[in-house]
Amino acid sequence: MSNAELARQLGVDKAIVSRDKRRGMPVHSLQAASAWRDAHLELARRKDCNPARADAGRRRGAGSAADELARVRRIAGVAQAALDVGLFAQAAPELRQALAAVPLAARPSVSLPLALWDALCSHVWPRVPGQPELADLPAEAVRPPRVMTGRDRTVYAIAAGEPVDDAWLDYWD
């Protein structure tokens, strides 16, 4: 994964990724980079976890988080209807693309029906030891916590079609 792509997914500037990479942050996956940032950086100083700092990316011309969230809501309605009639495979790529476009700082605001989370992640569940129950996924109309845990980020990355390290599939405590 390139520094620019990782920066976009983390919701930070490329320079921050370069700086943190020099400090030892892994850059091969979003999950590994996020775990390192969780362990090594104060939340208040992180733009991806501090709403007061999250607007900086928009000033540089990045897409609006509100626009991306609205796009997810719009596409989720279509995807739910497609799921109800057995045509989810046609709607899934666009929903995954919309989820991937949401900046990391805004991802805790994403709310999808439970059936959509399950449909987006169903291709991975057979590989997960102690396969999670539907109740273990983010609940319908309930937002994940303001700061997402490793598990929340992993489920989101799977749903968005982003790369996930196999080691993270064991992270269901």
C-alpha atoms as a PDB file:
ATOM      1  CA  MET A   1       0.000   0.000   0.000  1.00  0.00           C
ATOM      2  CA  SER A   2       1.384   3.413  -0.911  1.00  0.00           C
ATOM      3  CA  ASN A   3       1.909   6.161   1.646  1.00  0.00           C
ATOM      4  CA  ALA A   4      -0.655   8.288  -0.197  1.00  0.00           C
ATOM      5  CA  GLU A   5      -3.307   5.539  -0.075  1.00  0.00           C
ATOM      6  CA  LEU A   6      -2.627   4.848   3.594  1.00  0.00           C
ATOM      7  CA  ALA A   7      -2.821   8.575   4.351  1.00  0.00           C
ATOM      8  CA  ARG A   8      -6.194   8.796   2.590  1.00  0.00           C
ATOM      9  CA  GLN A   9      -7.544   5.821   4.543  1.00  0.00           C
ATOM     10  CA  LEU A  10      -6.226   7.158   7.842  1.00  0.00           C
ATOM     11  CA  GLY A  11      -7.548  10.637   7.081  1.00  0.00           C
ATOM     12  CA  VAL A  12      -4.150  12.282   7.547  1.00  0.00           C
ATOM     13  CA  ASP A  13      -1.577  14.030   5.379  1.00  0.00           C
ATOM     14  CA  LYS A  14       1.046  11.962   3.511  1.00  0.00           C
ATOM     15  CA  ALA A  15       3.738  13.701   5.551  1.00  0.00           C
ATOM     16  CA  ILE A  16       2.248  12.255   8.748  1.00  0.00           C
ATOM     17  CA  VAL A  17       2.422   8.747   7.275  1.00  0.00           C
ATOM     18  CA  SER A  18       6.060   9.337   6.269  1.00  0.00           C
ATOM     19  CA  ARG A  19       6.911  10.667   9.734  1.00  0.00           C
ATOM     20  CA  ASP A  20       5.195   7.779  11.513  1.00  0.00           C
ATOM     21  CA  LYS A  21       6.789   5.273   9.123  1.00  0.00           C
ATOM     22  CA  ARG A  22      10.225   6.593  10.148  1.00  0.00           C
ATOM     23  CA  ARG A  23       9.143   6.126  13.777  1.00  0.00           C
ATOM     24  CA  GLY A  24       8.332   2.456  13.124  1.00  0.00           C
ATOM     25  CA  MET A  25       4.711   2.407  11.945  1.00  0.00           C
ATOM     26  CA  PRO A  26       3.996  -0.535   9.625  1.00  0.00           C
ATOM     27  CA  VAL A  27       2.558   0.563   6.285  1.00  0.00           C
ATOM     28  CA  HIS A  28       1.571  -2.755   4.738  1.00  0.00           C
ATOM     29  CA  SER A  29      -2.047  -2.482   5.908  1.00  0.00           C
ATOM     30  CA  LEU A  30      -4.540  -0.045   7.406  1.00  0.00           C
ATOM     31  CA  GLN A  31      -5.118  -2.332  10.388  1.00  0.00           C
ATOM     32  CA  ALA A  32      -1.417  -2.611  11.243  1.00  0.00           C
ATOM     33  CA  ALA A  33      -0.907   1.141  10.883  1.00  0.00           C
ATOM     34  CA  SER A  34      -3.991   1.877  13.000  1.00  0.00           C
ATOM     35  CA  ALA A  35      -2.866  -0.540  15.718  1.00  0.00           C
ATOM     36  CA  TRP A  36       0.558   1.102  15.813  1.00  0.00           C
ATOM     37  CA  ARG A  37      -0.997   4.563  15.971  1.00  0.00           C
ATOM     38  CA  ASP A  38      -3.300   3.408  18.809  1.00  0.00           C
ATOM     39  CA  ALA A  39      -0.295   2.168  20.770  1.00  0.00           C
ATOM     40  CA  HIS A  40       2.117   5.024  20.060  1.00  0.00           C
ATOM     41  CA  LEU A  41       0.180   8.266  19.601  1.00  0.00           C
ATOM     42  CA  GLU A  42      -1.991  10.280  21.979  1.00  0.00           C
ATOM     43  CA  LEU A  43      -5.608  10.383  20.739  1.00  0.00           C
ATOM     44  CA  ALA A  44      -5.930  14.155  21.249  1.00  0.00           C
ATOM     45  CA  ARG A  45      -2.979  14.743  18.902  1.00  0.00           C
ATOM     46  CA  ARG A  46      -4.324  12.451  16.177  1.00  0.00           C
ATOM     47  CA  LYS A  47      -6.364  14.094  13.445  1.00  0.00           C
ATOM     48  CA  ASP A  48      -8.112  10.789  12.657  1.00  0.00           C
ATOM     49  CA  CYS A  49      -9.492  10.573  16.230  1.00  0.00           C
ATOM     50  CA  ASN A  50      -9.871  14.244  17.114  1.00  0.00           C
ATOM     51  CA  PRO A  51     -12.893  15.893  15.437  1.00  0.00           C
ATOM     52  CA  ALA A  52     -11.438  19.356  16.080  1.00  0.00           C
ATOM     53  CA  ARG A  53      -8.495  18.448  13.833  1.00  0.00           C
ATOM     54  CA  ALA A  54     -10.379  16.344  11.263  1.00  0.00           C
ATOM     55  CA  ASP A  55     -11.458  19.348   9.177  1.00  0.00           C
ATOM     56  CA  ALA A  56      -7.865  20.065   8.125  1.00  0.00           C
ATOM     57  CA  GLY A  57      -8.086  17.600   5.234  1.00  0.00           C
ATOM     58  CA  ARG A  58     -11.153  19.310   3.790  1.00  0.00           C
ATOM     59  CA  ARG A  59      -9.319  22.643   3.707  1.00  0.00           C
ATOM     60  CA  ARG A  60      -6.763  21.005   1.396  1.00  0.00           C
ATOM     61  CA  GLY A  61      -9.500  19.875  -0.998  1.00  0.00           C
ATOM     62  CA  ALA A  62     -10.211  16.353   0.278  1.00  0.00           C
ATOM     63  CA  GLY A  63     -13.788  15.070  -0.026  1.00  0.00           C
ATOM     64  CA  SER A  64     -16.250  16.110   2.636  1.00  0.00           C
ATOM     65  CA  ALA A  65     -16.904  13.468   5.267  1.00  0.00           C
ATOM     66  CA  ALA A  66     -20.551  14.567   5.365  1.00  0.00           C
ATOM     67  CA  ASP A  67     -20.832  14.033   1.603  1.00  0.00           C
ATOM     68  CA  GLU A  68     -19.265  10.577   1.870  1.00  0.00           C
ATOM     69  CA  LEU A  69     -21.573   9.601   4.757  1.00  0.00           C
ATOM     70  CA  ALA A  70     -24.605  10.802   2.781  1.00  0.00           C
ATOM     71  CA  ARG A  71     -23.416   8.731  -0.186  1.00  0.00           C
ATOM     72  CA  VAL A  72     -23.119   5.626   2.044  1.00  0.00           C
ATOM     73  CA  ARG A  73     -26.671   6.182   3.371  1.00  0.00           C
ATOM     74  CA  ARG A  74     -28.042   6.596  -0.150  1.00  0.00           C
ATOM     75  CA  ILE A  75     -26.298   3.500  -1.527  1.00  0.00           C
ATOM     76  CA  ALA A  76     -27.122   1.464   1.598  1.00  0.00           C
ATOM     77  CA  GLY A  77     -30.834   1.941   0.905  1.00  0.00           C
ATOM     78  CA  VAL A  78     -30.395   0.553  -2.605  1.00  0.00           C
ATOM     79  CA  ALA A  79     -28.182  -2.273  -1.319  1.00  0.00           C
ATOM     80  CA  GLN A  80     -30.761  -3.243   1.321  1.00  0.00           C
ATOM     81  CA  ALA A  81     -33.469  -3.429  -1.342  1.00  0.00           C
ATOM     82  CA  ALA A  82     -31.143  -5.523  -3.532  1.00  0.00           C
ATOM     83  CA  LEU A  83     -30.407  -7.828  -0.588  1.00  0.00           C
ATOM     84  CA  ASP A  84     -34.135  -8.259   0.049  1.00  0.00           C
ATOM     85  CA  VAL A  85     -34.692  -9.522  -3.510  1.00  0.00           C
ATOM     86  CA  GLY A  86     -31.528 -11.621  -3.759  1.00  0.00           C
ATOM     87  CA  LEU A  87     -29.498  -9.220  -5.949  1.00  0.00           C
ATOM     88  CA  PHE A  88     -26.983  -8.014  -3.374  1.00  0.00           C
ATOM     89  CA  ALA A  89     -23.999  -9.069  -5.495  1.00  0.00           C
ATOM     90  CA  GLN A  90     -24.855  -6.308  -7.979  1.00  0.00           C
ATOM     91  CA  ALA A  91     -25.080  -3.612  -5.289  1.00  0.00           C
ATOM     92  CA  ALA A  92     -22.158  -4.714  -3.095  1.00  0.00           C
ATOM     93  CA  PRO A  93     -19.271  -3.207  -5.143  1.00  0.00           C
ATOM     94  CA  GLU A  94     -20.725   0.298  -5.069  1.00  0.00           C
ATOM     95  CA  LEU A  95     -21.473   0.070  -1.333  1.00  0.00           C
ATOM     96  CA  ARG A  96     -17.939  -1.191  -0.643  1.00  0.00           C
ATOM     97  CA  GLN A  97     -16.507   1.689  -2.688  1.00  0.00           C
ATOM     98  CA  ALA A  98     -18.618   4.203  -0.763  1.00  0.00           C
ATOM     99  CA  LEU A  99     -17.546   2.731   2.595  1.00  0.00           C
ATOM    100  CA  ALA A 100     -13.881   2.844   1.568  1.00  0.00           C
ATOM    101  CA  ALA A 101     -14.213   6.531   0.625  1.00  0.00           C
ATOM    102  CA  VAL A 102     -15.353   7.537   4.126  1.00  0.00           C
ATOM    103  CA  PRO A 103     -12.427   9.144   5.990  1.00  0.00           C
ATOM    104  CA  LEU A 104     -11.231   7.200   9.017  1.00  0.00           C
ATOM    105  CA  ALA A 105     -12.334   9.935  11.412  1.00  0.00           C
ATOM    106  CA  ALA A 106     -15.916   9.713  10.106  1.00  0.00           C
ATOM    107  CA  ARG A 107     -16.194   5.915  10.056  1.00  0.00           C
ATOM    108  CA  PRO A 108     -17.630   5.642  13.582  1.00  0.00           C
ATOM    109  CA  SER A 109     -20.624   7.609  12.253  1.00  0.00           C
ATOM    110  CA  VAL A 110     -21.479   4.969   9.645  1.00  0.00           C
ATOM    111  CA  SER A 111     -24.648   3.102  10.515  1.00  0.00           C
ATOM    112  CA  LEU A 112     -25.861   0.175   8.411  1.00  0.00           C
ATOM    113  CA  PRO A 113     -28.567  -2.414   8.971  1.00  0.00           C
ATOM    114  CA  LEU A 114     -27.199  -5.576  10.553  1.00  0.00           C
ATOM    115  CA  ALA A 115     -28.091  -7.619   7.471  1.00  0.00           C
ATOM    116  CA  LEU A 116     -25.863  -5.391   5.312  1.00  0.00           C
ATOM    117  CA  TRP A 117     -22.863  -5.734   7.668  1.00  0.00           C
ATOM    118  CA  ASP A 118     -23.341  -9.501   7.547  1.00  0.00           C
ATOM    119  CA  ALA A 119     -23.717  -9.619   3.753  1.00  0.00           C
ATOM    120  CA  LEU A 120     -20.627  -7.453   3.255  1.00  0.00           C
ATOM    121  CA  CYS A 121     -18.529  -9.651   5.570  1.00  0.00           C
ATOM    122  CA  SER A 122     -19.999 -13.103   4.848  1.00  0.00           C
ATOM    123  CA  HIS A 123     -17.140 -14.090   2.523  1.00  0.00           C
ATOM    124  CA  VAL A 124     -14.717 -13.856   5.467  1.00  0.00           C
ATOM    125  CA  TRP A 125     -16.728 -15.448   8.296  1.00  0.00           C
ATOM    126  CA  PRO A 126     -15.796 -19.054   7.352  1.00  0.00           C
ATOM    127  CA  ARG A 127     -12.094 -18.124   7.848  1.00  0.00           C
ATOM    128  CA  VAL A 128     -12.674 -16.624  11.310  1.00  0.00           C
ATOM    129  CA  PRO A 129     -12.104 -19.024  14.218  1.00  0.00           C
ATOM    130  CA  GLY A 130     -15.160 -18.926  16.456  1.00  0.00           C
ATOM    131  CA  GLN A 131     -17.230 -17.309  13.726  1.00  0.00           C
ATOM    132  CA  PRO A 132     -18.986 -14.253  15.189  1.00  0.00           C
ATOM    133  CA  GLU A 133     -22.712 -14.283  15.671  1.00  0.00           C
ATOM    134  CA  LEU A 134     -24.793 -11.637  13.951  1.00  0.00           C
ATOM    135  CA  ALA A 135     -25.273 -10.023  17.357  1.00  0.00           C
ATOM    136  CA  ASP A 136     -21.501  -9.458  17.560  1.00  0.00           C
ATOM    137  CA  LEU A 137     -21.566  -7.095  14.558  1.00  0.00           C
ATOM    138  CA  PRO A 138     -22.470  -3.411  14.791  1.00  0.00           C
ATOM    139  CA  ALA A 139     -26.199  -3.317  15.506  1.00  0.00           C
ATOM    140  CA  GLU A 140     -28.772  -1.895  13.130  1.00  0.00           C
ATOM    141  CA  ALA A 141     -29.092   1.883  13.462  1.00  0.00           C
ATOM    142  CA  VAL A 142     -26.433   1.874  16.184  1.00  0.00           C
ATOM    143  CA  ARG A 143     -23.164   3.617  15.513  1.00  0.00           C
ATOM    144  CA  PRO A 144     -19.846   2.092  16.541  1.00  0.00           C
ATOM    145  CA  PRO A 145     -18.046   3.824  19.413  1.00  0.00           C
ATOM    146  CA  ARG A 146     -16.526   7.265  18.767  1.00  0.00           C
ATOM    147  CA  VAL A 147     -13.047   5.711  18.692  1.00  0.00           C
ATOM    148  CA  MET A 148     -13.244   2.400  16.876  1.00  0.00           C
ATOM    149  CA  THR A 149     -11.544  -0.646  18.380  1.00  0.00           C
ATOM    150  CA  GLY A 150      -9.343  -2.974  16.377  1.00  0.00           C
ATOM    151  CA  ARG A 151     -12.316  -5.276  15.923  1.00  0.00           C
ATOM    152  CA  ASP A 152     -14.559  -2.449  14.711  1.00  0.00           C
ATOM    153  CA  ARG A 153     -11.908  -1.317  12.233  1.00  0.00           C
ATOM    154  CA  THR A 154     -11.419  -4.891  11.003  1.00  0.00           C
ATOM    155  CA  VAL A 155     -15.144  -5.437  10.391  1.00  0.00           C
ATOM    156  CA  TYR A 156     -15.339  -2.061   8.655  1.00  0.00           C
ATOM    157  CA  ALA A 157     -12.295  -2.851   6.478  1.00  0.00           C
ATOM    158  CA  ILE A 158     -13.774  -6.225   5.493  1.00  0.00           C
ATOM    159  CA  ALA A 159     -17.095  -4.579   4.645  1.00  0.00           C
ATOM    160  CA  ALA A 160     -15.314  -1.887   2.620  1.00  0.00           C
ATOM    161  CA  GLY A 161     -13.261  -4.444   0.722  1.00  0.00           C
ATOM    162  CA  GLU A 162      -9.993  -3.117   2.129  1.00  0.00           C
ATOM    163  CA  PRO A 163      -7.034  -5.434   2.742  1.00  0.00           C
ATOM    164  CA  VAL A 164      -7.067  -7.159   6.124  1.00  0.00           C
ATOM    165  CA  ASP A 165      -4.173  -9.112   7.584  1.00  0.00           C
ATOM    166  CA  ASP A 166      -5.090 -12.709   8.374  1.00  0.00           C
ATOM    167  CA  ALA A 167      -3.800 -12.127  11.906  1.00  0.00           C
ATOM    168  CA  TRP A 168      -6.610  -9.603  12.431  1.00  0.00           C
ATOM    169  CA  LEU A 169      -9.215 -12.250  11.685  1.00  0.00           C
ATOM    170  CA  ASP A 170      -8.333 -13.787  15.066  1.00  0.00           C
ATOM    171  CA  TYR A 171      -9.072 -10.489  16.819  1.00  0.00           C
ATOM    172  CA  TRP A 172     -12.531 -11.217  18.223  1.00  0.00           C
ATOM    173  CA  ASP A 173     -12.096 -10.773  21.977  1.00  0.00           C
END
